[in-house]
């Protein structure tokens, strides 16, 4: 007997065998028991969730010798022939290769014929969304008023591509992704019956990699069994899938928590040398950061995080070291790198750069403050003045003439006591230079560099969309192209920008955000008013003068 793949060998044969689709099982068995079977069904959902298998089970239940019955017997000639694919009245059609109007016209002619050996003629059309518009139109009339002996079952992974006229004539059943515990339980059952020993963490790894597809999980288990041993080795499975183990991802995040860039880069290079796929490594990190974020916001203990209890304890410990904003920024950085690395000729370099960026983004707040303090210039030294120094300075300085009553001269010794109380600056502060729009434009990159320590990555991207447009006394006007960018900056980042400008320019500046179009319209209106005044009063009586309006 030829070998059959595990996903074919362990395909569900009854509704009770369906995994993770309890709602579908309940609807179909109740319909069969009550005699309320629809003339057309649409099974939609992700790949590998049991759509085609359910269609065959329904065909067996309708044509079983003891049927129609909620559960096929799988013993009668009809059930066994349908399982083997030899039953004349159950036709499986691939919508991708039979998508034209000619094939559908031929189907319409055959539909009118009575069943050859069964109770119903069942047409199972897989990937039905691949049919052309003309083919759907040709099928529409038959689907609206089919013969009593015909049942249509459509299966698709993209139900949104099917015309609404077809959807409205079908009873739609949505298949869900199979939950991770259900996949693990099924894999354990299959491994036990196949006589293969496998660790629980390996089953979890296969289930996570399958992403809700039981068929994919069984295919990967079949591949692992083919390694040639009665026991599946976890390290061999990691090498086979190109994935990173949970311990390796945990070690990488621990390096981020500790700020150890050397250990982080060594871990990444070790994984790549061991054969890990760079894109898969980033995907694993995205999933890991997603779990950390859920724990940080208080949703980690729910079913949203599919992990063992030991892994959840690690997530809880590591999530405490970050803020939600840092974790979200890290996910955005990883997702961007995953998209770029697809066409990168040197993925190792891209991963190293990504790791350094991630480390800087997730640096602890106290470390950031310490680094900022180290980069600042030391404050000017302040020392007390010597006795009599202020008095001698006053003698050298000519007195200013002021209107008003003369002040009382200080009593004896009073000047000395005042001199002791007043400190003197050892280093005089330089005169403040005049600030112009050109100077601001020239040093604006320094302001953006300063903002890297004050705002998150999305905020910095929004701020970069604004350009210095005008300086009115102590107010800088920042012009934006898009309204939404202007509103977000005013709402969230106005104070941070003003603080960054003070740090760069040494003075307080107010910030006003406008749209570039509004500024241009305002300038045009001003020019129009001036022109109208010149035409009315004459060119010699009108003088155009710039003044600073109130903001």
Protein backbone atom coordinates (compact mmCIF):
# COMPACT_ATOMS: atom_id res chain seq x y z
CA UNK A 1 0.00 0.00 0.00
CA UNK A 2 1.35 3.44 -0.96
CA UNK A 3 2.09 5.95 1.79
CA UNK A 4 -0.43 8.72 2.42
CA UNK A 5 0.44 12.03 4.01
CA UNK A 6 -0.67 12.54 7.59
CA UNK A 7 -3.15 15.28 6.74
CA UNK A 8 -4.90 12.87 4.32
CA UNK A 9 -4.64 9.90 6.66
CA UNK A 10 -6.13 11.83 9.56
CA UNK A 11 -8.75 13.81 7.61
CA UNK A 12 -12.03 14.04 9.59
CA UNK A 13 -14.61 11.46 8.50
CA UNK A 14 -17.50 12.54 10.73
CA UNK A 15 -18.75 15.84 12.13
CA UNK A 16 -17.52 14.74 15.55
CA UNK A 17 -13.95 14.59 14.18
CA UNK A 18 -13.93 18.28 13.22
CA UNK A 19 -11.42 20.27 15.29
CA UNK A 20 -12.15 23.83 16.33
CA UNK A 21 -15.38 24.23 14.31
CA UNK A 22 -18.06 23.44 16.87
CA UNK A 23 -20.50 26.02 15.48
CA UNK A 24 -20.32 24.48 11.99
CA UNK A 25 -20.87 20.97 13.36
CA UNK A 26 -23.89 22.07 15.38
CA UNK A 27 -25.58 23.90 12.49
CA UNK A 28 -25.15 21.09 9.97
CA UNK A 29 -26.14 18.22 12.29
CA UNK A 30 -29.27 20.09 13.42
CA UNK A 31 -30.19 20.84 9.80
CA UNK A 32 -29.78 17.18 8.86
CA UNK A 33 -31.80 16.00 11.85
CA UNK A 34 -34.63 18.45 11.13
CA UNK A 35 -34.62 17.97 7.35
CA UNK A 36 -33.75 21.64 6.71
CA UNK A 37 -30.71 21.21 4.47
CA UNK A 38 -30.15 24.22 2.22
CA UNK A 39 -29.74 23.85 -1.55
CA UNK A 40 -26.46 25.86 -1.45
CA UNK A 41 -23.76 26.37 1.19
CA UNK A 42 -20.74 28.62 1.21
CA UNK A 43 -17.87 27.50 3.43
CA UNK A 44 -15.41 30.37 3.90
CA UNK A 45 -12.34 30.65 6.08
CA UNK A 46 -8.54 30.32 6.22
CA UNK A 47 -6.71 27.44 4.61
CA UNK A 48 -6.45 24.12 6.39
CA UNK A 49 -9.47 24.61 8.68
CA UNK A 50 -11.66 21.80 7.30
CA UNK A 51 -13.85 23.34 4.60
CA UNK A 52 -13.46 20.62 1.95
CA UNK A 53 -13.48 17.84 4.57
CA UNK A 54 -16.78 19.18 5.98
CA UNK A 55 -18.24 19.28 2.46
CA UNK A 56 -17.42 15.59 1.97
CA UNK A 57 -18.87 14.68 5.37
CA UNK A 58 -22.09 16.52 4.45
CA UNK A 59 -22.20 14.67 1.11
CA UNK A 60 -21.84 11.34 2.94
CA UNK A 61 -24.55 12.25 5.46
CA UNK A 62 -26.96 13.09 2.62
CA UNK A 63 -26.26 9.93 0.57
CA UNK A 64 -25.70 7.44 3.41
CA UNK A 65 -27.87 4.32 3.23
CA UNK A 66 -29.20 5.22 6.68
CA UNK A 67 -29.61 8.88 5.82
CA UNK A 68 -30.04 11.63 5.57
CA UNK A 69 -28.44 11.35 8.99
CA UNK A 70 -26.59 13.74 11.33
CA UNK A 71 -23.57 11.43 11.23
CA UNK A 72 -22.55 9.19 8.29
CA UNK A 73 -21.93 5.57 9.11
CA UNK A 74 -18.75 5.30 7.01
CA UNK A 75 -19.58 1.61 6.47
CA UNK A 76 -22.12 1.54 3.66
CA UNK A 77 -21.05 1.49 -0.02
CA UNK A 78 -22.07 5.14 -0.51
CA UNK A 79 -19.95 6.40 2.42
CA UNK A 80 -16.90 4.33 1.50
CA UNK A 81 -17.07 5.34 -2.19
CA UNK A 82 -17.44 9.02 -1.33
CA UNK A 83 -14.43 8.75 1.00
CA UNK A 84 -12.42 7.13 -1.80
CA UNK A 85 -13.57 9.75 -4.33
CA UNK A 86 -15.35 7.18 -6.53
CA UNK A 87 -19.01 8.15 -6.01
CA UNK A 88 -20.56 9.31 -9.28
CA UNK A 89 -22.98 11.78 -7.72
CA UNK A 90 -20.41 13.71 -5.68
CA UNK A 91 -18.34 15.89 -7.98
CA UNK A 92 -15.34 17.93 -6.77
CA UNK A 93 -14.55 20.84 -9.09
CA UNK A 94 -11.50 23.07 -8.85
CA UNK A 95 -12.67 26.61 -9.40
CA UNK A 96 -9.18 27.78 -10.38
CA UNK A 97 -8.88 25.43 -13.38
CA UNK A 98 -12.57 25.37 -14.33
CA UNK A 99 -13.33 29.04 -14.10
CA UNK A 100 -14.71 29.84 -17.54
CA UNK A 101 -18.26 30.17 -18.80
CA UNK A 102 -17.98 27.04 -20.96
CA UNK A 103 -17.35 24.80 -17.94
CA UNK A 104 -20.30 26.31 -16.06
CA UNK A 105 -22.60 25.84 -19.05
CA UNK A 106 -21.62 22.19 -19.17
CA UNK A 107 -22.32 21.94 -15.44
CA UNK A 108 -25.79 23.47 -15.94
CA UNK A 109 -26.66 20.79 -18.49
CA UNK A 110 -25.56 17.95 -16.19
CA UNK A 111 -27.42 19.39 -13.19
CA UNK A 112 -30.75 18.52 -14.79
CA UNK A 113 -29.90 14.80 -14.90
CA UNK A 114 -31.11 12.57 -12.05
CA UNK A 115 -28.58 11.04 -9.60
CA UNK A 116 -26.92 7.91 -10.91
CA UNK A 117 -26.52 5.95 -7.65
CA UNK A 118 -27.26 8.21 -4.72
CA UNK A 119 -30.01 10.29 -3.17
CA UNK A 120 -28.50 13.69 -4.02
CA UNK A 121 -26.08 15.08 -6.57
CA UNK A 122 -23.54 17.17 -4.61
CA UNK A 123 -21.33 19.66 -6.42
CA UNK A 124 -18.31 20.75 -4.35
CA UNK A 125 -16.61 23.76 -6.01
CA UNK A 126 -13.33 24.62 -4.29
CA UNK A 127 -11.79 28.10 -4.59
CA UNK A 128 -15.06 29.33 -6.06
CA UNK A 129 -13.88 32.96 -5.95
CA UNK A 130 -11.64 32.15 -8.94
CA UNK A 131 -14.63 31.90 -11.31
CA UNK A 132 -15.01 34.67 -13.84
CA UNK A 133 -17.85 37.18 -13.74
CA UNK A 134 -19.44 35.55 -16.79
CA UNK A 135 -19.26 32.14 -15.11
CA UNK A 136 -20.97 33.50 -11.98
CA UNK A 137 -23.70 35.03 -14.11
CA UNK A 138 -24.24 31.72 -15.92
CA UNK A 139 -24.47 29.90 -12.58
CA UNK A 140 -26.85 32.42 -11.04
CA UNK A 141 -30.09 31.13 -12.57
CA UNK A 142 -29.35 27.51 -11.70
CA UNK A 143 -28.38 28.49 -8.15
CA UNK A 144 -31.60 30.46 -7.72
CA UNK A 145 -33.91 27.58 -8.67
CA UNK A 146 -31.92 24.34 -8.58
CA UNK A 147 -33.47 20.89 -9.01
CA UNK A 148 -34.56 19.22 -5.79
CA UNK A 149 -31.87 16.54 -6.07
CA UNK A 150 -28.92 18.99 -6.32
CA UNK A 151 -26.86 20.46 -3.49
CA UNK A 152 -24.14 23.04 -4.13
CA UNK A 153 -21.26 23.45 -1.66
CA UNK A 154 -18.83 26.29 -2.36
CA UNK A 155 -15.51 26.60 -0.54
CA UNK A 156 -13.32 29.71 -0.57
CA UNK A 157 -10.63 31.53 1.36
CA UNK A 158 -11.68 34.92 -0.05
CA UNK A 159 -15.42 35.31 0.33
CA UNK A 160 -15.25 39.05 -0.36
CA UNK A 161 -14.47 38.33 -4.03
CA UNK A 162 -17.75 36.49 -4.59
CA UNK A 163 -20.61 38.58 -6.08
CA UNK A 164 -23.36 39.58 -3.70
CA UNK A 165 -25.94 37.95 -5.95
CA UNK A 166 -24.27 34.60 -5.28
CA UNK A 167 -23.78 35.23 -1.56
CA UNK A 168 -27.45 36.08 -1.06
CA UNK A 169 -28.49 32.69 -2.46
CA UNK A 170 -26.19 30.63 -0.22
CA UNK A 171 -26.16 29.75 3.45
CA UNK A 172 -22.77 30.97 4.59
CA UNK A 173 -20.73 29.22 7.29
CA UNK A 174 -17.47 30.84 8.40
CA UNK A 175 -14.67 28.53 9.50
CA UNK A 176 -12.35 29.93 12.17
CA UNK A 177 -8.65 29.46 12.71
CA UNK A 178 -8.10 26.48 14.96
CA UNK A 179 -6.99 27.49 18.46
CA UNK A 180 -3.44 26.63 19.48
CA UNK A 181 -4.41 24.26 22.34
CA UNK A 182 -6.70 22.32 19.98
CA UNK A 183 -3.91 21.94 17.42
CA UNK A 184 -1.46 20.79 20.10
CA UNK A 185 -3.95 18.22 21.38
CA UNK A 186 -4.56 16.90 17.87
CA UNK A 187 -0.85 16.69 17.09
CA UNK A 188 -0.22 14.82 20.32
CA UNK A 189 -2.96 12.33 19.44
CA UNK A 190 -1.55 11.74 15.96
CA UNK A 191 2.02 11.39 17.26
CA UNK A 192 0.93 8.82 19.86
CA UNK A 193 -0.91 6.75 17.27
CA UNK A 194 2.07 6.94 14.91
CA UNK A 195 4.38 5.77 17.71
CA UNK A 196 6.54 8.90 17.77
CA UNK A 197 7.74 10.64 20.94
CA UNK A 198 7.66 14.44 20.82
CA UNK A 199 8.12 17.14 23.45
CA UNK A 200 5.30 19.50 24.33
CA UNK A 201 7.37 22.56 23.45
CA UNK A 202 7.94 21.10 19.98
CA UNK A 203 4.19 20.67 19.51
CA UNK A 204 3.67 24.28 20.61
CA UNK A 205 6.28 25.39 18.08
CA UNK A 206 4.56 23.50 15.25
CA UNK A 207 1.16 24.83 16.27
CA UNK A 208 2.38 28.44 16.36
CA UNK A 209 4.05 28.04 12.99
CA UNK A 210 0.80 26.68 11.50
CA UNK A 211 -1.05 29.90 12.42
CA UNK A 212 -4.41 28.23 12.92
CA UNK A 213 -4.18 25.74 10.03
CA UNK A 214 -4.45 22.17 11.28
CA UNK A 215 -3.50 20.82 7.86
CA UNK A 216 -0.24 22.82 7.89
CA UNK A 217 0.51 21.57 11.40
CA UNK A 218 0.03 17.93 10.34
CA UNK A 219 2.21 18.48 7.27
CA UNK A 220 5.04 19.87 9.41
CA UNK A 221 4.68 16.98 11.88
CA UNK A 222 4.89 14.58 8.95
CA UNK A 223 8.08 16.29 7.82
CA UNK A 224 9.58 16.07 11.30
CA UNK A 225 8.79 12.35 11.53
CA UNK A 226 10.62 11.89 8.24
CA UNK A 227 13.85 12.90 9.98
CA UNK A 228 14.14 9.17 10.68
CA UNK A 229 13.84 8.68 14.42
CA UNK A 230 11.22 7.48 16.88
CA UNK A 231 11.78 10.68 18.85
CA UNK A 232 11.56 14.15 17.36
CA UNK A 233 14.45 16.34 18.47
CA UNK A 234 13.49 19.93 19.28
CA UNK A 235 16.71 21.46 17.93
CA UNK A 236 16.31 19.61 14.64
CA UNK A 237 12.78 21.00 14.31
CA UNK A 238 14.07 24.53 14.89
CA UNK A 239 16.69 24.06 12.16
CA UNK A 240 14.08 22.56 9.84
CA UNK A 241 11.67 25.46 10.25
CA UNK A 242 14.33 28.18 10.41
CA UNK A 243 12.66 29.52 13.54
CA UNK A 244 14.06 30.78 16.82
CA UNK A 245 13.39 28.99 20.08
CA UNK A 246 11.54 30.70 22.88
CA UNK A 247 14.71 30.68 24.97
CA UNK A 248 16.62 32.45 22.19
CA UNK A 249 13.98 35.16 21.84
CA UNK A 250 13.93 35.51 25.62
CA UNK A 251 17.70 35.97 25.64
CA UNK A 252 17.47 38.69 22.97
CA UNK A 253 14.85 40.62 24.94
CA UNK A 254 16.93 40.26 28.11
CA UNK A 255 19.80 41.92 26.24
CA UNK A 256 17.45 44.77 25.33
CA UNK A 257 16.37 45.12 28.95
CA UNK A 258 19.97 45.26 30.14
CA UNK A 259 21.13 47.49 27.27
CA UNK A 260 23.87 45.02 26.32
CA UNK A 261 24.45 45.64 22.61
CA UNK A 262 27.42 43.25 22.39
CA UNK A 263 25.47 40.28 23.71
CA UNK A 264 22.51 41.18 21.49
CA UNK A 265 24.59 41.23 18.32
CA UNK A 266 26.36 38.00 19.31
CA UNK A 267 22.99 36.29 19.82
CA UNK A 268 21.69 37.42 16.43
CA UNK A 269 24.84 36.36 14.59
CA UNK A 270 24.80 33.01 16.38
CA UNK A 271 21.22 32.38 15.22
CA UNK A 272 22.07 33.30 11.64
CA UNK A 273 25.17 31.10 11.67
CA UNK A 274 23.01 28.24 12.92
CA UNK A 275 20.76 28.58 9.87
CA UNK A 276 17.88 30.71 11.15
CA UNK A 277 15.95 32.57 8.46
CA UNK A 278 16.30 36.36 8.92
CA UNK A 279 12.69 37.18 8.00
CA UNK A 280 11.36 34.39 10.19
CA UNK A 281 13.48 35.66 13.06
CA UNK A 282 11.90 39.12 12.72
CA UNK A 283 8.42 37.59 12.56
CA UNK A 284 9.14 35.65 15.74
CA UNK A 285 10.32 38.85 17.43
CA UNK A 286 7.15 40.66 16.35
CA UNK A 287 5.05 37.92 17.92
CA UNK A 288 7.17 38.05 21.07
CA UNK A 289 6.80 41.84 21.36
CA UNK A 290 3.08 41.49 20.78
CA UNK A 291 2.85 39.18 23.79
CA UNK A 292 4.90 41.62 25.88
CA UNK A 293 2.55 44.45 24.88
CA UNK A 294 -0.52 42.44 25.87
CA UNK A 295 1.00 41.70 29.25
CA UNK A 296 1.90 45.36 29.69
CA UNK A 297 -1.70 46.50 29.08
CA UNK A 298 -3.14 43.81 31.36
CA UNK A 299 -4.40 41.30 28.78
CA UNK A 300 -1.61 38.77 29.09
CA UNK A 301 -3.39 36.15 31.16
CA UNK A 302 -6.28 35.86 28.70
CA UNK A 303 -6.47 33.47 25.77
CA UNK A 304 -4.98 36.18 23.56
CA UNK A 305 -1.49 35.00 24.52
CA UNK A 306 -0.95 31.44 23.37
CA UNK A 307 1.91 30.23 25.55
CA UNK A 308 2.74 27.92 28.42
CA UNK A 309 2.59 29.12 32.01
CA UNK A 310 6.39 29.28 32.21
CA UNK A 311 6.51 31.48 29.12
CA UNK A 312 3.80 33.74 30.53
CA UNK A 313 5.85 34.28 33.68
CA UNK A 314 8.81 35.36 31.53
CA UNK A 315 6.56 37.72 29.53
CA UNK A 316 5.28 39.30 32.73
CA UNK A 317 8.81 39.88 34.06
CA UNK A 318 10.17 41.37 30.83
CA UNK A 319 7.12 43.53 30.10
CA UNK A 320 7.66 45.40 33.37
CA UNK A 321 10.88 46.87 31.95
CA UNK A 322 9.16 48.75 29.11
CA UNK A 323 6.34 51.18 28.50
CA UNK A 324 3.50 50.45 26.05
CA UNK A 325 4.78 53.23 23.78
CA UNK A 326 8.24 51.66 23.63
CA UNK A 327 6.83 48.23 22.78
CA UNK A 328 4.57 49.65 20.06
CA UNK A 329 7.50 51.58 18.59
CA UNK A 330 9.57 48.38 18.65
CA UNK A 331 6.85 46.48 16.78
CA UNK A 332 6.66 49.22 14.15
CA UNK A 333 10.44 49.12 13.70
CA UNK A 334 10.45 45.32 13.37
CA UNK A 335 7.57 45.36 10.88
CA UNK A 336 9.33 47.98 8.75
CA UNK A 337 12.56 45.96 8.77
CA UNK A 338 10.70 42.78 7.85
CA UNK A 339 9.34 44.47 4.75
CA UNK A 340 12.69 45.93 3.72
CA UNK A 341 14.81 42.83 4.31
CA UNK A 342 12.90 40.85 1.68
CA UNK A 343 14.96 42.43 -1.11
CA UNK A 344 18.13 43.07 0.89
CA UNK A 345 21.32 41.49 -0.40
CA UNK A 346 22.90 41.64 3.07
CA UNK A 347 20.23 40.67 5.61
CA UNK A 348 22.80 40.19 8.36
CA UNK A 349 23.79 43.87 8.25
CA UNK A 350 20.15 44.93 8.22
CA UNK A 351 19.44 42.77 11.26
CA UNK A 352 22.38 44.27 13.14
CA UNK A 353 21.28 47.81 12.33
CA UNK A 354 17.74 46.93 13.37
CA UNK A 355 19.01 45.51 16.66
CA UNK A 356 20.94 48.71 17.46
CA UNK A 357 17.93 50.88 16.60
CA UNK A 358 15.74 48.68 18.75
CA UNK A 359 18.15 48.94 21.65
CA UNK A 360 18.17 52.74 21.42
CA UNK A 361 14.39 52.87 21.17
CA UNK A 362 13.84 50.62 24.17
CA UNK A 363 16.49 52.17 26.41
CA UNK A 364 15.34 52.60 29.99
CA UNK A 365 14.16 56.16 30.81
CA UNK A 366 16.72 56.61 33.58
CA UNK A 367 19.50 55.58 31.20
CA UNK A 368 18.28 58.13 28.66
CA UNK A 369 18.29 60.88 31.28
CA UNK A 370 21.79 59.90 32.38
CA UNK A 371 23.06 60.00 28.79
CA UNK A 372 21.40 63.38 28.24
CA UNK A 373 23.03 64.80 31.36
CA UNK A 374 26.42 63.52 30.26
CA UNK A 375 26.13 65.30 26.91
CA UNK A 376 25.11 68.65 28.40
CA UNK A 377 27.70 71.36 29.04
CA UNK A 378 28.66 71.89 32.71
CA UNK A 379 26.90 74.87 34.31
CA UNK A 380 28.75 78.12 34.90
CA UNK A 381 30.57 78.23 38.22
CA UNK A 382 29.14 80.71 40.72
CA UNK A 383 31.44 81.99 43.49
CA UNK A 384 30.72 84.57 46.20
CA UNK A 385 32.18 88.04 45.77
CA UNK A 386 34.96 89.23 48.06
CA UNK A 387 34.13 91.94 50.62
CA UNK A 388 34.36 95.38 49.09
CA UNK A 389 34.59 94.06 45.52
CA UNK A 390 31.10 95.26 44.64
CA UNK A 391 31.85 98.66 46.19
CA UNK A 392 35.03 99.12 44.11
CA UNK A 393 33.11 98.13 40.99
CA UNK A 394 30.51 100.75 41.80
CA UNK A 395 33.25 103.42 42.13
CA UNK A 396 34.60 102.63 38.63
CA UNK A 397 31.13 102.71 37.07
CA UNK A 398 29.71 106.22 36.45
CA UNK A 399 26.35 106.72 38.09
CA UNK A 400 23.23 106.87 35.90
CA UNK A 401 21.01 109.93 36.06
CA UNK A 402 17.52 108.93 37.04
CA UNK A 403 14.45 111.08 37.62
CA UNK A 404 12.79 110.96 41.01
CA UNK A 405 13.80 111.41 44.61
CA UNK A 406 17.33 110.55 45.57
CA UNK A 407 17.86 107.31 47.47
CA UNK A 408 19.18 107.24 51.03
CA UNK A 409 22.90 106.53 51.13
CA UNK A 410 23.73 103.25 52.79
CA UNK A 411 24.87 103.26 56.37
CA UNK A 412 28.40 102.40 57.37
CA UNK A 413 29.17 98.73 56.75
CA UNK A 414 25.84 98.19 54.98
CA UNK A 415 27.53 98.04 51.56
CA UNK A 416 29.93 95.40 52.76
CA UNK A 417 27.13 93.27 54.18
CA UNK A 418 25.25 93.56 50.91
CA UNK A 419 28.35 92.57 49.01
CA UNK A 420 28.66 89.44 51.08
CA UNK A 421 25.12 88.40 50.28
CA UNK A 422 25.26 88.99 46.51
CA UNK A 423 27.16 86.39 44.46
CA UNK A 424 29.26 87.32 41.46
CA UNK A 425 29.43 85.37 38.20
CA UNK A 426 32.91 84.18 37.41
CA UNK A 427 32.21 83.82 33.64
CA UNK A 428 30.05 86.42 31.97
CA UNK A 429 27.33 85.11 29.67
CA UNK A 430 27.80 86.03 25.98
CA UNK A 431 25.43 88.47 24.38
CA UNK A 432 22.41 86.82 22.79
CA UNK A 433 22.59 86.82 19.01
CA UNK A 434 19.68 88.03 16.93
CA UNK A 435 17.45 85.14 15.90
CA UNK A 436 16.17 85.15 12.32
CA UNK A 437 14.13 82.75 10.22
CA UNK A 438 17.23 81.88 8.19
CA UNK A 439 19.11 80.96 11.37
CA UNK A 440 16.23 78.76 12.50
CA UNK A 441 16.05 77.01 9.13
CA UNK A 442 19.79 76.39 9.23
CA UNK A 443 19.68 74.85 12.72
CA UNK A 444 16.31 73.09 12.36
CA UNK A 445 18.02 69.67 11.89
CA UNK A 446 19.53 70.19 15.36
CA UNK A 447 16.02 70.72 16.75
CA UNK A 448 14.88 67.47 15.13
CA UNK A 449 17.91 65.67 16.57
CA UNK A 450 17.05 67.03 20.02
CA UNK A 451 13.46 65.81 19.61
CA UNK A 452 14.66 62.22 19.19
CA UNK A 453 15.17 62.13 22.96
CA UNK A 454 11.79 63.70 23.70
CA UNK A 455 9.20 62.11 21.38
CA UNK A 456 8.50 58.70 19.92
CA UNK A 457 9.24 57.61 16.35
CA UNK A 458 5.72 58.26 14.95
CA UNK A 459 5.72 61.71 16.55
CA UNK A 460 9.11 62.56 15.06
CA UNK A 461 7.82 61.54 11.63
CA UNK A 462 4.85 63.89 12.03
CA UNK A 463 7.04 66.79 13.16
CA UNK A 464 9.38 66.32 10.19
CA UNK A 465 6.42 67.10 7.94
CA UNK A 466 6.44 70.73 9.16
CA UNK A 467 8.76 73.43 7.88
CA UNK A 468 9.66 76.78 9.54
CA UNK A 469 7.71 79.36 7.54
CA UNK A 470 7.84 82.64 9.47
CA UNK A 471 9.21 84.20 12.66
CA UNK A 472 7.11 86.83 14.40
CA UNK A 473 8.93 88.22 17.44
CA UNK A 474 9.05 85.22 19.81
CA UNK A 475 6.68 83.00 17.80
CA UNK A 476 7.75 80.50 15.17
CA UNK A 477 5.16 79.51 12.56
CA UNK A 478 5.49 75.90 11.42
CA UNK A 479 3.73 75.11 8.12
CA UNK A 480 2.30 71.64 7.42
CA UNK A 481 0.99 70.17 4.20
CA UNK A 482 -1.68 67.95 5.77
CA UNK A 483 -4.37 68.95 8.26
CA UNK A 484 -4.17 65.72 10.25
CA UNK A 485 -0.41 66.14 10.79
CA UNK A 486 -0.89 69.68 12.06
CA UNK A 487 -3.65 68.65 14.49
CA UNK A 488 -1.63 65.73 15.91
CA UNK A 489 1.46 67.88 16.46
CA UNK A 490 -0.53 70.62 18.22
CA UNK A 491 -2.36 68.08 20.35
CA UNK A 492 0.56 65.90 21.44
CA UNK A 493 3.96 67.42 20.70
CA UNK A 494 3.74 71.23 20.96
CA UNK A 495 5.41 71.44 24.38
CA UNK A 496 8.21 69.07 23.38
CA UNK A 497 9.02 71.15 20.28
CA UNK A 498 9.11 74.37 22.31
CA UNK A 499 11.42 72.72 24.86
CA UNK A 500 13.73 71.48 22.07
CA UNK A 501 13.88 74.97 20.50
CA UNK A 502 14.77 76.47 23.88
CA UNK A 503 17.59 73.93 24.27
CA UNK A 504 19.00 74.71 20.80
CA UNK A 505 18.43 78.47 20.47
CA UNK A 506 18.81 79.42 24.14
CA UNK A 507 15.52 81.33 24.36
CA UNK A 508 11.86 80.60 24.71
CA UNK A 509 9.87 80.52 21.48
CA UNK A 510 6.17 79.98 21.11
CA UNK A 511 5.02 77.57 18.43
CA UNK A 512 2.12 78.06 16.08
CA UNK A 513 1.17 75.40 13.52
CA UNK A 514 -0.64 76.31 10.31
CA UNK A 515 -1.39 74.75 6.95
CA UNK A 516 0.88 75.81 4.11
CA UNK A 517 -2.17 76.59 1.96
CA UNK A 518 -3.66 78.86 4.63
CA UNK A 519 -0.40 80.82 4.87
CA UNK A 520 -0.29 81.32 1.11
CA UNK A 521 -3.93 82.44 1.04
CA UNK A 522 -3.21 84.95 3.83
CA UNK A 523 -0.30 86.45 1.91
CA UNK A 524 -2.43 86.74 -1.22
CA UNK A 525 -5.21 88.49 0.70
CA UNK A 526 -2.72 91.02 2.15
CA UNK A 527 -1.34 91.82 -1.31
CA UNK A 528 -4.85 92.27 -2.71
CA UNK A 529 -5.76 94.75 0.04
CA UNK A 530 -2.61 96.80 -0.57
CA UNK A 531 -3.25 96.89 -4.29
CA UNK A 532 -6.85 98.04 -3.78
CA UNK A 533 -5.67 100.82 -1.45
CA UNK A 534 -3.11 102.03 -4.00
CA UNK A 535 -5.72 102.12 -6.73
CA UNK A 536 -8.17 104.08 -4.52
CA UNK A 537 -5.84 106.62 -2.82
CA UNK A 538 -3.03 106.78 -5.34
CA UNK A 539 0.53 105.42 -5.21
CA UNK A 540 1.98 108.38 -3.37
CA UNK A 541 -0.36 108.20 -0.38
CA UNK A 542 -0.07 104.51 0.48
CA UNK A 543 2.88 103.06 2.38
CA UNK A 544 3.19 99.29 3.00
CA UNK A 545 4.71 98.54 6.40
CA UNK A 546 5.16 95.19 8.17
CA UNK A 547 4.00 94.98 11.76
CA UNK A 548 3.79 92.12 14.23
CA UNK A 549 0.14 91.20 14.76
CA UNK A 550 -1.08 89.71 17.96
CA UNK A 551 -0.97 85.91 17.87
